[in-house]
Amino acid sequence: MKTYDYNGTKVYLQKEEYRNNGTLAVLMFKEDGELYGCITVNLNHPLQSDTLAFLDENNMPGIGKWLRKKNLGIDMGVKAASGFCTYPLYMLF
């Protein structure tokens, strides 16, 4: 398991899938195994897949920039809204 520094906390990422549609969900855990948060949101959007997911920039501001800096994701230039929030679509590695 590869760990990264996220805002001064050692974390690792774990790929899962959303139960209702099988698309990519990514969880972030602290080094000790405690859940830090889910970096993706499930919008039931047709572009979501096993490699494409919308990032939860609302609850984790800057997560997209952090993923790009770590070479873990690419911004696909697509955004989708849910309620008053807009979420960017990323291809995650």
Protein backbone atom coordinates (compact mmCIF):
# COMPACT_ATOMS: atom_id res chain seq x y z
CA MET A 1 0.00 0.00 0.00
CA LYS A 2 1.43 3.33 -1.07
CA THR A 3 0.96 6.24 1.33
CA TYR A 4 0.86 9.93 0.48
CA ASP A 5 0.92 13.17 2.41
CA TYR A 6 -2.46 14.94 2.30
CA ASN A 7 -2.62 18.20 4.25
CA GLY A 8 -0.03 16.92 6.73
CA THR A 9 -1.68 13.51 7.20
CA LYS A 10 -0.29 10.22 5.87
CA VAL A 11 -3.05 8.62 3.80
CA TYR A 12 -3.67 5.88 1.29
CA LEU A 13 -6.38 5.46 -1.34
CA GLN A 14 -8.58 2.45 -1.85
CA LYS A 15 -10.71 1.79 -4.91
CA GLU A 16 -14.23 0.51 -4.30
CA GLU A 17 -17.42 0.61 -6.31
CA TYR A 18 -20.79 2.13 -5.67
CA ARG A 19 -23.29 -0.64 -5.00
CA ASN A 20 -26.16 0.80 -7.00
CA ASN A 21 -24.29 1.15 -10.30
CA GLY A 22 -20.85 -0.47 -9.98
CA THR A 23 -18.95 2.73 -10.81
CA LEU A 24 -15.71 3.85 -9.21
CA ALA A 25 -15.67 5.04 -5.62
CA VAL A 26 -12.38 6.08 -4.00
CA LEU A 27 -11.93 6.11 -0.25
CA MET A 28 -9.08 7.86 1.55
CA PHE A 29 -7.80 6.28 4.75
CA LYS A 30 -5.34 7.53 7.33
CA GLU A 31 -2.21 5.43 7.68
CA ASP A 32 -3.71 3.72 10.75
CA GLY A 33 -6.73 2.52 8.73
CA GLU A 34 -9.21 5.15 9.94
CA LEU A 35 -11.43 6.51 7.17
CA TYR A 36 -10.43 10.06 6.24
CA GLY A 37 -13.18 10.50 3.64
CA CYS A 38 -14.58 9.53 0.28
CA ILE A 39 -12.99 11.62 -2.46
CA THR A 40 -15.64 10.77 -5.08
CA VAL A 41 -19.37 11.37 -5.36
CA ASN A 42 -21.94 9.15 -7.02
CA LEU A 43 -24.05 11.27 -9.34
CA ASN A 44 -25.43 8.33 -11.36
CA HIS A 45 -24.07 10.13 -14.39
CA PRO A 46 -23.64 8.22 -17.68
CA LEU A 47 -19.94 9.18 -17.85
CA GLN A 48 -19.09 7.50 -14.53
CA SER A 49 -17.25 4.22 -15.00
CA ASP A 50 -14.61 2.02 -13.42
CA THR A 51 -11.97 4.70 -14.17
CA LEU A 52 -14.00 7.93 -14.36
CA ALA A 53 -15.45 9.52 -11.24
CA PHE A 54 -16.67 12.89 -10.02
CA LEU A 55 -14.52 14.35 -7.24
CA ASP A 56 -16.00 15.70 -4.04
CA GLU A 57 -14.40 19.16 -4.22
CA ASN A 58 -17.23 20.39 -2.00
CA ASN A 59 -16.12 18.40 1.07
CA MET A 60 -12.46 18.03 0.09
CA PRO A 61 -11.45 21.33 -1.53
CA GLY A 62 -8.36 20.99 -3.68
CA ILE A 63 -8.55 17.19 -4.00
CA GLY A 64 -8.33 17.43 -7.80
CA LYS A 65 -5.20 19.55 -7.69
CA TRP A 66 -3.69 17.14 -5.15
CA LEU A 67 -4.45 14.12 -7.40
CA ARG A 68 -2.90 15.85 -10.42
CA LYS A 69 0.21 16.77 -8.43
CA LYS A 70 0.62 13.12 -7.37
CA ASN A 71 -0.03 11.90 -10.95
CA LEU A 72 -3.08 9.98 -9.73
CA GLY A 73 -5.71 11.64 -11.89
CA ILE A 74 -6.51 13.76 -14.92
CA ASP A 75 -9.23 16.40 -15.10
CA MET A 76 -11.49 15.44 -18.01
CA GLY A 77 -12.90 18.96 -18.40
CA VAL A 78 -16.47 17.88 -17.58
CA LYS A 79 -18.48 19.06 -14.60
CA ALA A 80 -21.83 17.87 -13.27
CA ALA A 81 -24.08 19.49 -10.72
CA SER A 82 -26.00 18.07 -7.81
CA GLY A 83 -27.96 20.53 -5.72
CA PHE A 84 -25.90 23.69 -5.35
CA CYS A 85 -22.55 21.93 -5.91
CA THR A 86 -20.60 21.24 -9.09
CA TYR A 87 -18.21 18.30 -9.33
CA PRO A 88 -15.35 17.77 -11.82
CA LEU A 89 -14.98 14.47 -13.66
CA TYR A 90 -11.54 12.83 -13.32
CA MET A 91 -9.88 9.80 -14.80
CA LEU A 92 -8.21 8.11 -11.83
CA PHE A 93 -5.26 5.71 -11.93
